[in-house]
Amino acid sequence: MFACLPSHRSAEPRSLVVRVDFARREELLAEAPDIYYLKDHYAGYNAVLVRLDEIQADALHGLLAGALQFVQAEKTKRRPRKGPRRQADRVSGRGPGAADP
């Protein structure tokens, strides 16, 4: 998920929650506080609230594209690496821990 409608009642109507890293969120809040905002409920999440009535379409497009890239990068960081398979597993086609017949 890289964007969604806010579920907490503290968010303003006609808002969107968009995933961004904490540094980018601080930049957005400083640059355009009339468009981007934060409520206490969302402070611990790497996301920013966006007033849809205030943001231009091209800015929203860029924000969403950046959010998608951010989520994809986070997903790649968390994906566990698989270790090399043992030679016997490659030959038999069985995975580790398979019982002998």
C-alpha atoms as a PDB file:
ATOM      1  CA  MET A   1       0.000   0.000   0.000  1.00  0.00           C
ATOM      2  CA  PHE A   2       1.420   3.371  -0.931  1.00  0.00           C
ATOM      3  CA  ALA A   3      -1.690   5.542  -0.450  1.00  0.00           C
ATOM      4  CA  CYS A   4      -5.104   5.173   1.137  1.00  0.00           C
ATOM      5  CA  LEU A   5      -7.978   7.073   2.653  1.00  0.00           C
ATOM      6  CA  PRO A   6      -7.269   7.930   6.282  1.00  0.00           C
ATOM      7  CA  SER A   7      -9.152   5.771   8.753  1.00  0.00           C
ATOM      8  CA  HIS A   8      -8.520   7.798  11.903  1.00  0.00           C
ATOM      9  CA  ARG A   9     -11.074  10.438  12.794  1.00  0.00           C
ATOM     10  CA  SER A  10      -8.370  13.062  13.380  1.00  0.00           C
ATOM     11  CA  ALA A  11      -7.768  13.389   9.628  1.00  0.00           C
ATOM     12  CA  GLU A  12      -9.588  16.107   7.757  1.00  0.00           C
ATOM     13  CA  PRO A  13     -12.293  15.198   5.233  1.00  0.00           C
ATOM     14  CA  ARG A  14     -11.096  14.870   1.624  1.00  0.00           C
ATOM     15  CA  SER A  15      -7.606  13.779   2.658  1.00  0.00           C
ATOM     16  CA  LEU A  16      -5.296  11.035   1.534  1.00  0.00           C
ATOM     17  CA  VAL A  17      -2.556   9.214   3.455  1.00  0.00           C
ATOM     18  CA  VAL A  18       0.565   8.835   1.303  1.00  0.00           C
ATOM     19  CA  ARG A  19       3.647   6.839   2.265  1.00  0.00           C
ATOM     20  CA  VAL A  20       6.888   8.823   2.317  1.00  0.00           C
ATOM     21  CA  ASP A  21      10.040   8.550   4.397  1.00  0.00           C
ATOM     22  CA  PHE A  22      10.296  10.721   7.485  1.00  0.00           C
ATOM     23  CA  ALA A  23      12.809  13.144   5.943  1.00  0.00           C
ATOM     24  CA  ARG A  24      10.638  13.725   2.873  1.00  0.00           C
ATOM     25  CA  ARG A  25       7.600  14.224   5.108  1.00  0.00           C
ATOM     26  CA  GLU A  26       9.396  16.981   7.006  1.00  0.00           C
ATOM     27  CA  GLU A  27      10.299  18.666   3.704  1.00  0.00           C
ATOM     28  CA  LEU A  28       6.698  18.533   2.469  1.00  0.00           C
ATOM     29  CA  LEU A  29       5.309  19.893   5.733  1.00  0.00           C
ATOM     30  CA  ALA A  30       7.795  22.791   5.659  1.00  0.00           C
ATOM     31  CA  GLU A  31       7.297  23.565   1.949  1.00  0.00           C
ATOM     32  CA  ALA A  32       3.499  23.491   1.765  1.00  0.00           C
ATOM     33  CA  PRO A  33       1.664  23.279   5.109  1.00  0.00           C
ATOM     34  CA  ASP A  34      -1.552  24.252   3.336  1.00  0.00           C
ATOM     35  CA  ILE A  35      -1.380  20.996   1.323  1.00  0.00           C
ATOM     36  CA  TYR A  36       0.453  18.549   3.601  1.00  0.00           C
ATOM     37  CA  TYR A  37      -0.258  18.006   7.265  1.00  0.00           C
ATOM     38  CA  LEU A  38       0.207  15.557  10.111  1.00  0.00           C
ATOM     39  CA  LYS A  39      -1.941  14.476  13.035  1.00  0.00           C
ATOM     40  CA  ASP A  40      -0.611  12.804  16.181  1.00  0.00           C
ATOM     41  CA  HIS A  41      -2.088   9.440  15.186  1.00  0.00           C
ATOM     42  CA  TYR A  42       0.079   9.352  12.036  1.00  0.00           C
ATOM     43  CA  ALA A  43       3.288  10.733  13.586  1.00  0.00           C
ATOM     44  CA  GLY A  44       4.883   7.305  14.039  1.00  0.00           C
ATOM     45  CA  TYR A  45       4.118   6.171  10.506  1.00  0.00           C
ATOM     46  CA  ASN A  46       6.235   6.979   7.459  1.00  0.00           C
ATOM     47  CA  ALA A  47       3.357   8.826   5.825  1.00  0.00           C
ATOM     48  CA  VAL A  48       1.948  12.290   5.302  1.00  0.00           C
ATOM     49  CA  LEU A  49      -1.653  13.492   5.053  1.00  0.00           C
ATOM     50  CA  VAL A  50      -2.603  15.376   1.893  1.00  0.00           C
ATOM     51  CA  ARG A  51      -5.498  17.815   1.444  1.00  0.00           C
ATOM     52  CA  LEU A  52      -6.902  16.712  -1.906  1.00  0.00           C
ATOM     53  CA  ASP A  53      -8.689  20.018  -2.515  1.00  0.00           C
ATOM     54  CA  GLU A  54      -5.383  21.894  -2.254  1.00  0.00           C
ATOM     55  CA  ILE A  55      -2.917  19.788  -4.248  1.00  0.00           C
ATOM     56  CA  GLN A  56      -2.412  20.197  -7.997  1.00  0.00           C
ATOM     57  CA  ALA A  57      -2.887  17.093 -10.157  1.00  0.00           C
ATOM     58  CA  ASP A  58       0.745  17.004 -11.332  1.00  0.00           C
ATOM     59  CA  ALA A  59       2.038  17.345  -7.762  1.00  0.00           C
ATOM     60  CA  LEU A  60      -0.251  14.521  -6.627  1.00  0.00           C
ATOM     61  CA  HIS A  61       0.951  12.370  -9.509  1.00  0.00           C
ATOM     62  CA  GLY A  62       4.584  12.974  -8.545  1.00  0.00           C
ATOM     63  CA  LEU A  63       3.864  12.333  -4.865  1.00  0.00           C
ATOM     64  CA  LEU A  64       2.129   9.033  -5.640  1.00  0.00           C
ATOM     65  CA  ALA A  65       4.921   7.927  -7.990  1.00  0.00           C
ATOM     66  CA  GLY A  66       7.452   8.657  -5.261  1.00  0.00           C
ATOM     67  CA  ALA A  67       5.323   6.795  -2.715  1.00  0.00           C
ATOM     68  CA  LEU A  68       5.209   3.721  -4.943  1.00  0.00           C
ATOM     69  CA  GLN A  69       8.996   3.781  -5.317  1.00  0.00           C
ATOM     70  CA  PHE A  70       9.381   4.195  -1.550  1.00  0.00           C
ATOM     71  CA  VAL A  71       7.155   1.190  -0.807  1.00  0.00           C
ATOM     72  CA  GLN A  72       8.902  -0.957  -3.406  1.00  0.00           C
ATOM     73  CA  ALA A  73      12.299  -0.073  -1.944  1.00  0.00           C
ATOM     74  CA  GLU A  74      11.088  -0.884   1.575  1.00  0.00           C
ATOM     75  CA  LYS A  75       9.725  -4.209   0.380  1.00  0.00           C
ATOM     76  CA  THR A  76      13.071  -5.080  -1.219  1.00  0.00           C
ATOM     77  CA  LYS A  77      14.921  -4.239   2.020  1.00  0.00           C
ATOM     78  CA  ARG A  78      12.695  -6.554   4.074  1.00  0.00           C
ATOM     79  CA  ARG A  79      12.695  -9.515   1.684  1.00  0.00           C
ATOM     80  CA  PRO A  80      14.723 -12.297   3.306  1.00  0.00           C
ATOM     81  CA  ARG A  81      17.569 -13.651   1.258  1.00  0.00           C
ATOM     82  CA  LYS A  82      17.551 -17.321   0.551  1.00  0.00           C
ATOM     83  CA  GLY A  83      20.780 -19.135   1.255  1.00  0.00           C
ATOM     84  CA  PRO A  84      22.378 -21.402  -1.306  1.00  0.00           C
ATOM     85  CA  ARG A  85      20.737 -24.787  -1.667  1.00  0.00           C
ATOM     86  CA  ARG A  86      22.757 -27.835  -0.813  1.00  0.00           C
ATOM     87  CA  GLN A  87      24.066 -29.959  -3.684  1.00  0.00           C
ATOM     88  CA  ALA A  88      21.889 -32.947  -2.634  1.00  0.00           C
ATOM     89  CA  ASP A  89      18.754 -30.762  -2.689  1.00  0.00           C
ATOM     90  CA  ARG A  90      19.534 -29.514  -6.197  1.00  0.00           C
ATOM     91  CA  VAL A  91      20.052 -33.041  -7.506  1.00  0.00           C
ATOM     92  CA  SER A  92      16.990 -34.602  -5.851  1.00  0.00           C
ATOM     93  CA  GLY A  93      14.709 -31.618  -6.451  1.00  0.00           C
ATOM     94  CA  ARG A  94      13.728 -31.690  -2.794  1.00  0.00           C
ATOM     95  CA  GLY A  95      14.049 -28.753  -0.505  1.00  0.00           C
ATOM     96  CA  PRO A  96      15.857 -28.693   2.811  1.00  0.00           C
ATOM     97  CA  GLY A  97      14.232 -30.828   5.467  1.00  0.00           C
ATOM     98  CA  ALA A  98      12.508 -33.207   3.052  1.00  0.00           C
ATOM     99  CA  ALA A  99      12.152 -36.703   4.447  1.00  0.00           C
ATOM    100  CA  ASP A 100      13.935 -39.617   2.820  1.00  0.00           C
ATOM    101  CA  PRO A 101      11.600 -42.148   1.132  1.00  0.00           C
END
